[in-house]
Amino acid sequence: MSEKIDPSVTARIEGNEPRCSNAGCCPPKTPITRVAPKVGRNDPCICGNGRKFKKCCGRNL
């Protein structure tokens, strides 16, 4: 293993270099917007049975 690794390869592996050299090819990242508010673990379940979300529909997540 006496060969040297190209610095551009190591930079890409470490995440310091973008994968795309053309800045216009990739769309900018946009934050995800929720349609409904996030349900907390201790909030009532969204199905309406009266149990906590973590004990009902949140159990399988």
N, C-alpha and C. Protein backbone atom coordinates (compact mmCIF):
# COMPACT_ATOMS: atom_id res chain seq x y z
N MET A 1 0.84 -1.18 0.00
CA MET A 1 0.00 0.00 0.00
C MET A 1 0.89 1.24 0.00
N SER A 2 1.87 1.25 -0.85
CA SER A 2 2.78 2.38 -0.92
C SER A 2 2.29 3.48 -1.85
N GLU A 3 1.17 3.24 -2.56
CA GLU A 3 0.64 4.27 -3.46
C GLU A 3 0.00 5.39 -2.65
N LYS A 4 0.06 6.59 -3.20
CA LYS A 4 -0.57 7.73 -2.54
C LYS A 4 -1.97 7.93 -3.12
N ILE A 5 -2.89 8.32 -2.27
CA ILE A 5 -4.26 8.58 -2.70
C ILE A 5 -4.36 10.03 -3.12
N ASP A 6 -5.06 10.25 -4.22
CA ASP A 6 -5.26 11.60 -4.75
C ASP A 6 -5.98 12.46 -3.70
N PRO A 7 -5.50 13.69 -3.40
CA PRO A 7 -6.15 14.54 -2.39
C PRO A 7 -7.61 14.86 -2.69
N SER A 8 -7.98 14.93 -3.97
CA SER A 8 -9.38 15.23 -4.29
C SER A 8 -10.29 14.07 -3.86
N VAL A 9 -9.78 12.86 -3.92
CA VAL A 9 -10.57 11.71 -3.49
C VAL A 9 -10.75 11.73 -1.97
N THR A 10 -9.69 12.00 -1.24
CA THR A 10 -9.82 12.03 0.22
C THR A 10 -10.71 13.18 0.67
N ALA A 11 -10.67 14.31 -0.02
CA ALA A 11 -11.54 15.44 0.33
C ALA A 11 -13.00 15.06 0.10
N ARG A 12 -13.28 14.34 -0.98
CA ARG A 12 -14.66 13.94 -1.27
C ARG A 12 -15.14 12.92 -0.24
N ILE A 13 -14.27 12.02 0.19
CA ILE A 13 -14.64 11.03 1.20
C ILE A 13 -14.93 11.70 2.53
N GLU A 14 -14.14 12.69 2.89
CA GLU A 14 -14.33 13.39 4.16
C GLU A 14 -15.50 14.36 4.12
N GLY A 15 -16.06 14.61 2.96
CA GLY A 15 -17.21 15.50 2.84
C GLY A 15 -16.86 16.96 2.71
N ASN A 16 -15.59 17.26 2.41
CA ASN A 16 -15.17 18.65 2.29
C ASN A 16 -15.36 19.21 0.89
N GLU A 17 -15.62 18.37 -0.07
CA GLU A 17 -15.76 18.81 -1.45
C GLU A 17 -17.14 18.40 -1.96
N PRO A 18 -17.84 19.30 -2.63
CA PRO A 18 -19.16 18.91 -3.16
C PRO A 18 -19.03 17.84 -4.23
N ARG A 19 -20.01 17.00 -4.35
CA ARG A 19 -19.98 15.93 -5.35
C ARG A 19 -20.17 16.47 -6.75
N CYS A 20 -20.84 17.58 -6.86
CA CYS A 20 -21.16 18.15 -8.16
C CYS A 20 -20.25 19.35 -8.41
N SER A 21 -19.54 19.34 -9.51
CA SER A 21 -18.65 20.46 -9.80
C SER A 21 -19.40 21.62 -10.45
N ASN A 22 -20.56 21.35 -11.04
CA ASN A 22 -21.36 22.40 -11.67
C ASN A 22 -22.38 22.89 -10.65
N ALA A 23 -22.26 24.14 -10.23
CA ALA A 23 -23.11 24.66 -9.16
C ALA A 23 -24.59 24.75 -9.56
N GLY A 24 -24.89 24.87 -10.82
CA GLY A 24 -26.27 25.02 -11.26
C GLY A 24 -27.01 23.73 -11.50
N CYS A 25 -26.34 22.59 -11.38
CA CYS A 25 -26.99 21.33 -11.74
C CYS A 25 -27.89 20.79 -10.62
N CYS A 26 -27.56 21.08 -9.38
CA CYS A 26 -28.32 20.55 -8.25
C CYS A 26 -29.21 21.64 -7.67
N PRO A 27 -30.50 21.34 -7.44
CA PRO A 27 -31.37 22.35 -6.84
C PRO A 27 -30.99 22.58 -5.38
N PRO A 28 -31.18 23.78 -4.87
CA PRO A 28 -30.86 24.04 -3.46
C PRO A 28 -31.80 23.26 -2.54
N LYS A 29 -31.30 22.86 -1.39
CA LYS A 29 -32.10 22.11 -0.43
C LYS A 29 -33.11 23.05 0.22
N THR A 30 -34.34 22.58 0.32
CA THR A 30 -35.38 23.36 0.97
C THR A 30 -35.84 22.62 2.22
N PRO A 31 -36.16 23.32 3.29
CA PRO A 31 -36.61 22.63 4.50
C PRO A 31 -37.97 21.97 4.28
N ILE A 32 -38.17 20.87 4.97
CA ILE A 32 -39.42 20.13 4.87
C ILE A 32 -40.45 20.83 5.74
N THR A 33 -41.62 21.09 5.17
CA THR A 33 -42.70 21.72 5.94
C THR A 33 -43.74 20.67 6.29
N ARG A 34 -44.20 20.70 7.51
CA ARG A 34 -45.21 19.74 7.96
C ARG A 34 -46.61 20.26 7.62
N VAL A 35 -47.49 19.34 7.24
CA VAL A 35 -48.88 19.69 6.96
C VAL A 35 -49.64 19.86 8.27
N ALA A 36 -49.40 18.95 9.19
CA ALA A 36 -50.04 18.99 10.51
C ALA A 36 -48.96 19.20 11.57
N PRO A 37 -49.30 19.74 12.72
CA PRO A 37 -48.29 19.91 13.77
C PRO A 37 -47.77 18.56 14.25
N LYS A 38 -46.54 18.53 14.71
CA LYS A 38 -45.91 17.31 15.19
C LYS A 38 -46.61 16.84 16.46
N VAL A 39 -46.81 15.54 16.56
CA VAL A 39 -47.47 14.94 17.73
C VAL A 39 -46.39 14.54 18.72
N GLY A 40 -46.49 15.01 19.95
CA GLY A 40 -45.54 14.64 20.99
C GLY A 40 -45.86 13.26 21.54
N ARG A 41 -44.87 12.65 22.16
CA ARG A 41 -45.07 11.30 22.70
C ARG A 41 -46.13 11.25 23.79
N ASN A 42 -46.25 12.30 24.59
CA ASN A 42 -47.21 12.29 25.70
C ASN A 42 -48.52 12.97 25.35
N ASP A 43 -48.67 13.40 24.11
CA ASP A 43 -49.94 14.00 23.66
C ASP A 43 -50.97 12.90 23.44
N PRO A 44 -52.26 13.25 23.47
CA PRO A 44 -53.29 12.26 23.14
C PRO A 44 -53.12 11.76 21.71
N CYS A 45 -53.45 10.51 21.50
CA CYS A 45 -53.26 9.89 20.18
C CYS A 45 -54.14 10.56 19.13
N ILE A 46 -53.64 10.59 17.92
CA ILE A 46 -54.37 11.24 16.82
C ILE A 46 -55.57 10.42 16.35
N CYS A 47 -55.62 9.13 16.73
CA CYS A 47 -56.75 8.31 16.31
C CYS A 47 -58.00 8.58 17.15
N GLY A 48 -57.81 9.23 18.32
CA GLY A 48 -58.97 9.65 19.11
C GLY A 48 -59.43 8.66 20.15
N ASN A 49 -58.67 7.63 20.49
CA ASN A 49 -59.16 6.65 21.47
C ASN A 49 -58.89 7.07 22.90
N GLY A 50 -58.15 8.17 23.13
CA GLY A 50 -57.92 8.68 24.47
C GLY A 50 -56.60 8.24 25.10
N ARG A 51 -55.91 7.30 24.51
CA ARG A 51 -54.62 6.86 25.04
C ARG A 51 -53.52 7.81 24.59
N LYS A 52 -52.36 7.73 25.26
CA LYS A 52 -51.22 8.53 24.84
C LYS A 52 -50.71 8.00 23.50
N PHE A 53 -50.15 8.91 22.71
CA PHE A 53 -49.64 8.54 21.39
C PHE A 53 -48.58 7.45 21.49
N LYS A 54 -47.69 7.54 22.50
CA LYS A 54 -46.60 6.56 22.62
C LYS A 54 -47.12 5.16 22.97
N LYS A 55 -48.31 5.07 23.57
CA LYS A 55 -48.88 3.77 23.94
C LYS A 55 -49.84 3.24 22.86
N CYS A 56 -50.14 4.05 21.87
CA CYS A 56 -51.13 3.66 20.86
C CYS A 56 -50.45 3.57 19.48
N CYS A 57 -50.66 4.56 18.65
CA CYS A 57 -50.15 4.54 17.28
C CYS A 57 -48.64 4.79 17.21
N GLY A 58 -48.06 5.41 18.23
CA GLY A 58 -46.63 5.66 18.24
C GLY A 58 -45.80 4.47 18.66
N ARG A 59 -46.44 3.41 19.07
CA ARG A 59 -45.73 2.22 19.53
C ARG A 59 -44.94 1.57 18.40
N ASN A 60 -45.45 1.59 17.19
CA ASN A 60 -44.83 0.89 16.07
C ASN A 60 -43.83 1.75 15.31
N LEU A 61 -43.58 2.97 15.78
CA LEU A 61 -42.65 3.84 15.05
C LEU A 61 -41.23 3.62 15.47
